[in-house]
Amino acid sequence: MTPPRLSRSSDGADRGGARGETLQAEIDLLGALAYGELTGFLRLSAHADKAPTLEQTAEVGALAVEEFHHYQLLVERLRELGADPQGAMRPFVAAVDAYHERTTPNDWLEGLLKAYVGEGIATDFYREVAAFAPEPTRDLVVRLLDETSGAEFVVGAVLEATERDPRVAGRLALWGRRLVGEALSQAQRVAADRSSLTTLLVEGGGAGTDLVAIGKMFNRLTENHVRRMLRLGLTA
């Protein structure tokens, strides 16, 4: 019998055949999410002390704790798959860090909007990818994405601020447009750099799923962003 062809994965392990490609897609999906949750935890923790009230500090702190808990669960799943968590996250460091460097908030409200908008687009993107991942990875990812909280808190804080000073709405709307552009660019970069994720989307969708369908997926991400901005009372 001819042994399966092995390929070198991003975390340094040898994986072969069709199962190897699917496994690599799982590892890439989990690695991207894990790094996103880790950086989310670090940035929310740093942003918490900018809150105008102790109650809001506690709210942001709770969001940060939630992000770190998600990170721990994703790392645990990576280890179950035999992957090195640090190696699995490494391919996504440049794209995620570049996004954060280009979207540094100037104040508390911009930081909240970034957490809401950026997290929302990332959640939508990875939910689309996870829909075609094998079990139990799919269940874990979908469950963690569904558990992401804080939307009501952010919406309430932004609405209160814009009602108090209507001029804030225009500034935040412009900030939201910048965020969506950068977030979509990040998602497109991740999809382009990690062909395993694109393959998972294309092959998982079956016949007729192609680059046009992936383009439609990004249109859905944009439409969801518009709905989030409207919920905040802001123009997209």
C-alpha atoms as a PDB file:
ATOM      1  CA  MET A   1       0.000   0.000   0.000  1.00  0.00           C
ATOM      2  CA  THR A   2       1.291   3.451  -0.861  1.00  0.00           C
ATOM      3  CA  PRO A   3       1.537   5.627   2.267  1.00  0.00           C
ATOM      4  CA  PRO A   4      -0.480   8.853   2.264  1.00  0.00           C
ATOM      5  CA  ARG A   5       1.296  11.989   1.124  1.00  0.00           C
ATOM      6  CA  LEU A   6       2.189  14.150   4.110  1.00  0.00           C
ATOM      7  CA  SER A   7       2.235  17.918   4.157  1.00  0.00           C
ATOM      8  CA  ARG A   8       3.802  20.285   6.636  1.00  0.00           C
ATOM      9  CA  SER A   9       1.195  22.243   8.566  1.00  0.00           C
ATOM     10  CA  SER A  10       1.421  25.729  10.020  1.00  0.00           C
ATOM     11  CA  ASP A  11       2.051  24.352  13.517  1.00  0.00           C
ATOM     12  CA  GLY A  12       4.886  22.140  12.364  1.00  0.00           C
ATOM     13  CA  ALA A  13       3.067  18.781  12.356  1.00  0.00           C
ATOM     14  CA  ASP A  14       2.876  16.436   9.371  1.00  0.00           C
ATOM     15  CA  ARG A  15      -0.643  15.811   8.113  1.00  0.00           C
ATOM     16  CA  GLY A  16      -1.601  13.837   5.016  1.00  0.00           C
ATOM     17  CA  GLY A  17      -4.444  13.313   2.572  1.00  0.00           C
ATOM     18  CA  ALA A  18      -7.932  14.799   2.507  1.00  0.00           C
ATOM     19  CA  ARG A  19      -8.306  14.346   6.252  1.00  0.00           C
ATOM     20  CA  GLY A  20      -5.054  16.214   6.692  1.00  0.00           C
ATOM     21  CA  GLU A  21      -6.426  19.161   4.714  1.00  0.00           C
ATOM     22  CA  THR A  22      -9.622  19.212   6.780  1.00  0.00           C
ATOM     23  CA  LEU A  23      -7.624  18.947   9.989  1.00  0.00           C
ATOM     24  CA  GLN A  24      -5.437  21.847   8.903  1.00  0.00           C
ATOM     25  CA  ALA A  25      -8.560  23.903   8.243  1.00  0.00           C
ATOM     26  CA  GLU A  26      -9.799  23.099  11.762  1.00  0.00           C
ATOM     27  CA  ILE A  27      -6.461  24.114  13.247  1.00  0.00           C
ATOM     28  CA  ASP A  28      -6.375  27.348  11.255  1.00  0.00           C
ATOM     29  CA  LEU A  29      -9.931  28.211  12.292  1.00  0.00           C
ATOM     30  CA  LEU A  30      -9.196  27.537  15.954  1.00  0.00           C
ATOM     31  CA  GLY A  31      -5.838  29.299  15.799  1.00  0.00           C
ATOM     32  CA  ALA A  32      -7.321  32.434  14.251  1.00  0.00           C
ATOM     33  CA  LEU A  33     -10.093  32.540  16.831  1.00  0.00           C
ATOM     34  CA  ALA A  34      -7.728  31.852  19.724  1.00  0.00           C
ATOM     35  CA  TYR A  35      -5.442  34.732  18.789  1.00  0.00           C
ATOM     36  CA  GLY A  36      -8.417  37.009  18.279  1.00  0.00           C
ATOM     37  CA  GLU A  37      -9.774  36.132  21.731  1.00  0.00           C
ATOM     38  CA  LEU A  38      -6.360  36.593  23.349  1.00  0.00           C
ATOM     39  CA  THR A  39      -5.807  40.020  21.837  1.00  0.00           C
ATOM     40  CA  GLY A  40      -9.410  40.928  22.624  1.00  0.00           C
ATOM     41  CA  PHE A  41      -8.820  40.073  26.269  1.00  0.00           C
ATOM     42  CA  LEU A  42      -5.633  42.153  26.425  1.00  0.00           C
ATOM     43  CA  ARG A  43      -7.123  45.197  24.706  1.00  0.00           C
ATOM     44  CA  LEU A  44     -10.392  45.165  26.640  1.00  0.00           C
ATOM     45  CA  SER A  45      -8.453  44.861  29.887  1.00  0.00           C
ATOM     46  CA  ALA A  46      -6.365  47.895  28.958  1.00  0.00           C
ATOM     47  CA  HIS A  47      -9.485  49.817  27.866  1.00  0.00           C
ATOM     48  CA  ALA A  48     -11.447  49.131  31.046  1.00  0.00           C
ATOM     49  CA  ASP A  49      -9.687  51.821  33.081  1.00  0.00           C
ATOM     50  CA  LYS A  50     -10.822  54.461  30.582  1.00  0.00           C
ATOM     51  CA  ALA A  51     -14.463  53.912  31.536  1.00  0.00           C
ATOM     52  CA  PRO A  52     -16.148  56.985  33.048  1.00  0.00           C
ATOM     53  CA  THR A  53     -17.824  54.979  35.842  1.00  0.00           C
ATOM     54  CA  LEU A  54     -16.948  52.010  38.029  1.00  0.00           C
ATOM     55  CA  GLU A  55     -19.994  50.167  36.733  1.00  0.00           C
ATOM     56  CA  GLN A  56     -18.764  50.500  33.162  1.00  0.00           C
ATOM     57  CA  THR A  57     -15.263  49.462  34.218  1.00  0.00           C
ATOM     58  CA  ALA A  58     -16.750  46.278  35.642  1.00  0.00           C
ATOM     59  CA  GLU A  59     -18.794  45.671  32.465  1.00  0.00           C
ATOM     60  CA  VAL A  60     -15.720  45.874  30.247  1.00  0.00           C
ATOM     61  CA  GLY A  61     -13.747  43.762  32.708  1.00  0.00           C
ATOM     62  CA  ALA A  62     -16.421  41.073  32.473  1.00  0.00           C
ATOM     63  CA  LEU A  63     -16.169  41.135  28.675  1.00  0.00           C
ATOM     64  CA  ALA A  64     -12.400  40.699  28.932  1.00  0.00           C
ATOM     65  CA  VAL A  65     -12.798  37.696  31.252  1.00  0.00           C
ATOM     66  CA  GLU A  66     -15.226  36.140  28.780  1.00  0.00           C
ATOM     67  CA  GLU A  67     -12.701  36.560  25.955  1.00  0.00           C
ATOM     68  CA  PHE A  68      -9.971  34.846  27.981  1.00  0.00           C
ATOM     69  CA  HIS A  69     -12.262  31.960  28.885  1.00  0.00           C
ATOM     70  CA  HIS A  70     -12.994  31.458  25.192  1.00  0.00           C
ATOM     71  CA  TYR A  71      -9.252  31.528  24.488  1.00  0.00           C
ATOM     72  CA  GLN A  72      -8.681  28.767  27.029  1.00  0.00           C
ATOM     73  CA  LEU A  73     -11.363  26.537  25.489  1.00  0.00           C
ATOM     74  CA  LEU A  74      -9.962  27.027  21.984  1.00  0.00           C
ATOM     75  CA  VAL A  75      -6.442  26.188  23.166  1.00  0.00           C
ATOM     76  CA  GLU A  76      -7.782  23.046  24.833  1.00  0.00           C
ATOM     77  CA  ARG A  77      -9.421  21.950  21.565  1.00  0.00           C
ATOM     78  CA  LEU A  78      -6.212  22.621  19.613  1.00  0.00           C
ATOM     79  CA  ARG A  79      -4.318  20.358  21.994  1.00  0.00           C
ATOM     80  CA  GLU A  80      -6.964  17.665  21.580  1.00  0.00           C
ATOM     81  CA  LEU A  81      -6.234  17.792  17.842  1.00  0.00           C
ATOM     82  CA  GLY A  82      -2.525  17.350  18.524  1.00  0.00           C
ATOM     83  CA  ALA A  83      -1.656  20.909  17.496  1.00  0.00           C
ATOM     84  CA  ASP A  84       0.676  23.368  19.173  1.00  0.00           C
ATOM     85  CA  PRO A  85      -1.544  26.343  20.131  1.00  0.00           C
ATOM     86  CA  GLN A  86       1.253  28.896  19.708  1.00  0.00           C
ATOM     87  CA  GLY A  87       2.077  27.552  16.259  1.00  0.00           C
ATOM     88  CA  ALA A  88      -1.599  27.529  15.292  1.00  0.00           C
ATOM     89  CA  MET A  89      -2.013  31.195  16.256  1.00  0.00           C
ATOM     90  CA  ARG A  90       1.219  32.452  14.708  1.00  0.00           C
ATOM     91  CA  PRO A  91       0.005  32.724  11.070  1.00  0.00           C
ATOM     92  CA  PHE A  92      -2.685  35.199  12.140  1.00  0.00           C
ATOM     93  CA  VAL A  93      -0.588  37.508  14.273  1.00  0.00           C
ATOM     94  CA  ALA A  94       0.378  39.888  11.457  1.00  0.00           C
ATOM     95  CA  ALA A  95      -3.170  40.415  10.139  1.00  0.00           C
ATOM     96  CA  VAL A  96      -4.775  40.831  13.553  1.00  0.00           C
ATOM     97  CA  ASP A  97      -2.037  43.098  14.909  1.00  0.00           C
ATOM     98  CA  ALA A  98      -2.110  45.242  11.766  1.00  0.00           C
ATOM     99  CA  TYR A  99      -5.865  45.705  12.185  1.00  0.00           C
ATOM    100  CA  HIS A 100      -5.447  46.833  15.787  1.00  0.00           C
ATOM    101  CA  GLU A 101      -2.574  49.159  14.926  1.00  0.00           C
ATOM    102  CA  ARG A 102      -4.675  50.875  12.255  1.00  0.00           C
ATOM    103  CA  THR A 103      -7.742  51.195  14.480  1.00  0.00           C
ATOM    104  CA  THR A 104      -6.455  52.566  17.758  1.00  0.00           C
ATOM    105  CA  PRO A 105      -9.421  54.326  19.435  1.00  0.00           C
ATOM    106  CA  ASN A 106      -9.041  57.918  20.580  1.00  0.00           C
ATOM    107  CA  ASP A 107     -11.445  57.663  23.482  1.00  0.00           C
ATOM    108  CA  TRP A 108     -13.794  55.455  25.469  1.00  0.00           C
ATOM    109  CA  LEU A 109     -16.692  55.534  23.004  1.00  0.00           C
ATOM    110  CA  GLU A 110     -14.501  54.729  20.013  1.00  0.00           C
ATOM    111  CA  GLY A 111     -13.110  51.785  21.956  1.00  0.00           C
ATOM    112  CA  LEU A 112     -16.602  50.491  22.676  1.00  0.00           C
ATOM    113  CA  LEU A 113     -17.651  50.862  19.049  1.00  0.00           C
ATOM    114  CA  LYS A 114     -14.524  49.037  17.928  1.00  0.00           C
ATOM    115  CA  ALA A 115     -15.279  46.132  20.251  1.00  0.00           C
ATOM    116  CA  TYR A 116     -18.863  45.961  18.966  1.00  0.00           C
ATOM    117  CA  VAL A 117     -18.218  46.461  15.241  1.00  0.00           C
ATOM    118  CA  GLY A 118     -14.899  44.638  14.920  1.00  0.00           C
ATOM    119  CA  GLU A 119     -16.036  41.735  17.072  1.00  0.00           C
ATOM    120  CA  GLY A 120     -19.284  41.544  15.137  1.00  0.00           C
ATOM    121  CA  ILE A 121     -17.628  41.255  11.731  1.00  0.00           C
ATOM    122  CA  ALA A 122     -15.095  38.716  12.995  1.00  0.00           C
ATOM    123  CA  THR A 123     -17.888  36.690  14.595  1.00  0.00           C
ATOM    124  CA  ASP A 124     -19.898  36.668  11.361  1.00  0.00           C
ATOM    125  CA  PHE A 125     -16.850  35.644   9.302  1.00  0.00           C
ATOM    126  CA  TYR A 126     -15.794  32.775  11.524  1.00  0.00           C
ATOM    127  CA  ARG A 127     -19.360  31.555  11.915  1.00  0.00           C
ATOM    128  CA  GLU A 128     -19.547  31.245   8.117  1.00  0.00           C
ATOM    129  CA  VAL A 129     -16.313  29.215   8.108  1.00  0.00           C
ATOM    130  CA  ALA A 130     -17.269  27.096  11.124  1.00  0.00           C
ATOM    131  CA  ALA A 131     -20.521  26.016   9.462  1.00  0.00           C
ATOM    132  CA  PHE A 132     -18.469  23.563   7.366  1.00  0.00           C
ATOM    133  CA  ALA A 133     -15.993  22.435  10.037  1.00  0.00           C
ATOM    134  CA  PRO A 134     -16.192  18.876  11.423  1.00  0.00           C
ATOM    135  CA  GLU A 135     -17.697  18.077  14.801  1.00  0.00           C
ATOM    136  CA  PRO A 136     -16.957  18.754  17.642  1.00  0.00           C
ATOM    137  CA  THR A 137     -15.002  21.791  16.449  1.00  0.00           C
ATOM    138  CA  ARG A 138     -18.082  23.242  14.747  1.00  0.00           C
ATOM    139  CA  ASP A 139     -20.190  22.996  17.897  1.00  0.00           C
ATOM    140  CA  LEU A 140     -17.447  24.543  20.040  1.00  0.00           C
ATOM    141  CA  VAL A 141     -16.868  27.494  17.726  1.00  0.00           C
ATOM    142  CA  VAL A 142     -20.558  28.223  17.166  1.00  0.00           C
ATOM    143  CA  ARG A 143     -21.244  27.969  20.898  1.00  0.00           C
ATOM    144  CA  LEU A 144     -18.437  30.390  21.756  1.00  0.00           C
ATOM    145  CA  LEU A 145     -19.499  32.850  19.063  1.00  0.00           C
ATOM    146  CA  ASP A 146     -23.092  32.710  20.299  1.00  0.00           C
ATOM    147  CA  GLU A 147     -21.931  33.252  23.888  1.00  0.00           C
ATOM    148  CA  THR A 148     -20.251  36.561  23.066  1.00  0.00           C
ATOM    149  CA  SER A 149     -22.053  39.140  25.182  1.00  0.00           C
ATOM    150  CA  GLY A 150     -21.813  42.857  25.777  1.00  0.00           C
ATOM    151  CA  ALA A 151     -23.905  44.050  22.842  1.00  0.00           C
ATOM    152  CA  GLU A 152     -26.645  45.493  25.040  1.00  0.00           C
ATOM    153  CA  PHE A 153     -24.111  47.296  27.196  1.00  0.00           C
ATOM    154  CA  VAL A 154     -22.372  48.866  24.183  1.00  0.00           C
ATOM    155  CA  VAL A 155     -25.628  49.843  22.492  1.00  0.00           C
ATOM    156  CA  GLY A 156     -26.899  51.457  25.686  1.00  0.00           C
ATOM    157  CA  ALA A 157     -23.668  53.394  26.278  1.00  0.00           C
ATOM    158  CA  VAL A 158     -23.513  54.709  22.705  1.00  0.00           C
ATOM    159  CA  LEU A 159     -27.201  55.699  22.607  1.00  0.00           C
ATOM    160  CA  GLU A 160     -26.861  57.497  25.926  1.00  0.00           C
ATOM    161  CA  ALA A 161     -23.803  59.406  24.678  1.00  0.00           C
ATOM    162  CA  THR A 162     -25.394  60.446  21.385  1.00  0.00           C
ATOM    163  CA  GLU A 163     -28.605  61.560  23.112  1.00  0.00           C
ATOM    164  CA  ARG A 164     -26.557  63.662  25.506  1.00  0.00           C
ATOM    165  CA  ASP A 165     -24.509  65.201  22.671  1.00  0.00           C
ATOM    166  CA  PRO A 166     -25.881  64.616  19.130  1.00  0.00           C
ATOM    167  CA  ARG A 167     -22.575  65.769  17.612  1.00  0.00           C
ATOM    168  CA  VAL A 168     -21.002  62.531  18.854  1.00  0.00           C
ATOM    169  CA  ALA A 169     -23.108  60.525  16.387  1.00  0.00           C
ATOM    170  CA  GLY A 170     -21.374  61.956  13.329  1.00  0.00           C
ATOM    171  CA  ARG A 171     -17.922  61.254  14.693  1.00  0.00           C
ATOM    172  CA  LEU A 172     -18.820  57.698  15.665  1.00  0.00           C
ATOM    173  CA  ALA A 173     -20.456  57.048  12.289  1.00  0.00           C
ATOM    174  CA  LEU A 174     -17.208  58.000  10.544  1.00  0.00           C
ATOM    175  CA  TRP A 175     -15.274  55.797  12.953  1.00  0.00           C
ATOM    176  CA  GLY A 176     -17.638  52.916  12.224  1.00  0.00           C
ATOM    177  CA  ARG A 177     -17.006  53.254   8.480  1.00  0.00           C
ATOM    178  CA  ARG A 178     -13.277  53.099   9.065  1.00  0.00           C
ATOM    179  CA  LEU A 179     -13.662  50.063  11.300  1.00  0.00           C
ATOM    180  CA  VAL A 180     -15.744  48.092   8.822  1.00  0.00           C
ATOM    181  CA  GLY A 181     -13.274  48.770   6.031  1.00  0.00           C
ATOM    182  CA  GLU A 182     -10.329  47.615   8.118  1.00  0.00           C
ATOM    183  CA  ALA A 183     -12.185  44.614   9.549  1.00  0.00           C
ATOM    184  CA  LEU A 184     -13.278  43.391   6.120  1.00  0.00           C
ATOM    185  CA  SER A 185      -9.746  43.848   4.812  1.00  0.00           C
ATOM    186  CA  GLN A 186      -8.469  41.755   7.697  1.00  0.00           C
ATOM    187  CA  ALA A 187     -10.995  38.993   6.968  1.00  0.00           C
ATOM    188  CA  GLN A 188     -10.092  39.034   3.270  1.00  0.00           C
ATOM    189  CA  ARG A 189      -6.386  38.865   4.135  1.00  0.00           C
ATOM    190  CA  VAL A 190      -6.935  35.896   6.436  1.00  0.00           C
ATOM    191  CA  ALA A 191      -8.984  34.107   3.767  1.00  0.00           C
ATOM    192  CA  ALA A 192      -6.322  34.795   1.118  1.00  0.00           C
ATOM    193  CA  ASP A 193      -3.348  33.869   3.285  1.00  0.00           C
ATOM    194  CA  ARG A 194      -4.855  30.658   4.670  1.00  0.00           C
ATOM    195  CA  SER A 195      -6.147  28.693   1.706  1.00  0.00           C
ATOM    196  CA  SER A 196      -7.383  25.953   4.057  1.00  0.00           C
ATOM    197  CA  LEU A 197     -10.156  28.250   5.315  1.00  0.00           C
ATOM    198  CA  THR A 198     -11.202  29.182   1.791  1.00  0.00           C
ATOM    199  CA  THR A 199     -11.150  25.515   0.793  1.00  0.00           C
ATOM    200  CA  LEU A 200     -13.351  24.671   3.754  1.00  0.00           C
ATOM    201  CA  LEU A 201     -15.884  27.253   2.614  1.00  0.00           C
ATOM    202  CA  VAL A 202     -15.804  26.170  -1.026  1.00  0.00           C
ATOM    203  CA  GLU A 203     -15.794  22.406  -0.513  1.00  0.00           C
ATOM    204  CA  GLY A 204     -18.184  22.548   2.422  1.00  0.00           C
ATOM    205  CA  GLY A 205     -20.720  24.457   0.404  1.00  0.00           C
ATOM    206  CA  GLY A 206     -20.854  21.756  -2.254  1.00  0.00           C
ATOM    207  CA  ALA A 207     -21.453  22.229  -5.946  1.00  0.00           C
ATOM    208  CA  GLY A 208     -21.834  25.808  -7.069  1.00  0.00           C
ATOM    209  CA  THR A 209     -19.875  27.293  -4.185  1.00  0.00           C
ATOM    210  CA  ASP A 210     -17.034  29.319  -5.690  1.00  0.00           C
ATOM    211  CA  LEU A 211     -15.368  32.699  -5.460  1.00  0.00           C
ATOM    212  CA  VAL A 212     -18.662  34.355  -6.369  1.00  0.00           C
ATOM    213  CA  ALA A 213     -20.282  32.701  -3.354  1.00  0.00           C
ATOM    214  CA  ILE A 214     -17.409  33.855  -1.152  1.00  0.00           C
ATOM    215  CA  GLY A 215     -17.977  37.366  -2.472  1.00  0.00           C
ATOM    216  CA  LYS A 216     -21.617  37.060  -1.456  1.00  0.00           C
ATOM    217  CA  MET A 217     -20.477  36.013   1.994  1.00  0.00           C
ATOM    218  CA  PHE A 218     -18.563  39.280   2.357  1.00  0.00           C
ATOM    219  CA  ASN A 219     -21.688  41.128   1.218  1.00  0.00           C
ATOM    220  CA  ARG A 220     -23.553  39.444   4.075  1.00  0.00           C
ATOM    221  CA  LEU A 221     -20.882  40.611   6.495  1.00  0.00           C
ATOM    222  CA  THR A 222     -21.388  44.173   5.274  1.00  0.00           C
ATOM    223  CA  GLU A 223     -25.183  43.935   5.550  1.00  0.00           C
ATOM    224  CA  ASN A 224     -24.888  42.690   9.138  1.00  0.00           C
ATOM    225  CA  HIS A 225     -22.598  45.612   9.920  1.00  0.00           C
ATOM    226  CA  VAL A 226     -25.204  48.055   8.595  1.00  0.00           C
ATOM    227  CA  ARG A 227     -27.818  46.502  10.892  1.00  0.00           C
ATOM    228  CA  ARG A 228     -25.514  46.858  13.895  1.00  0.00           C
ATOM    229  CA  MET A 229     -24.857  50.504  13.143  1.00  0.00           C
ATOM    230  CA  LEU A 230     -28.578  51.204  12.782  1.00  0.00           C
ATOM    231  CA  ARG A 231     -29.144  49.575  16.153  1.00  0.00           C
ATOM    232  CA  LEU A 232     -26.697  52.109  17.575  1.00  0.00           C
ATOM    233  CA  GLY A 233     -28.591  54.927  15.901  1.00  0.00           C
ATOM    234  CA  LEU A 234     -25.627  55.576  13.563  1.00  0.00           C
ATOM    235  CA  THR A 235     -25.418  55.730   9.783  1.00  0.00           C
ATOM    236  CA  ALA A 236     -23.220  53.052   8.224  1.00  0.00           C
END
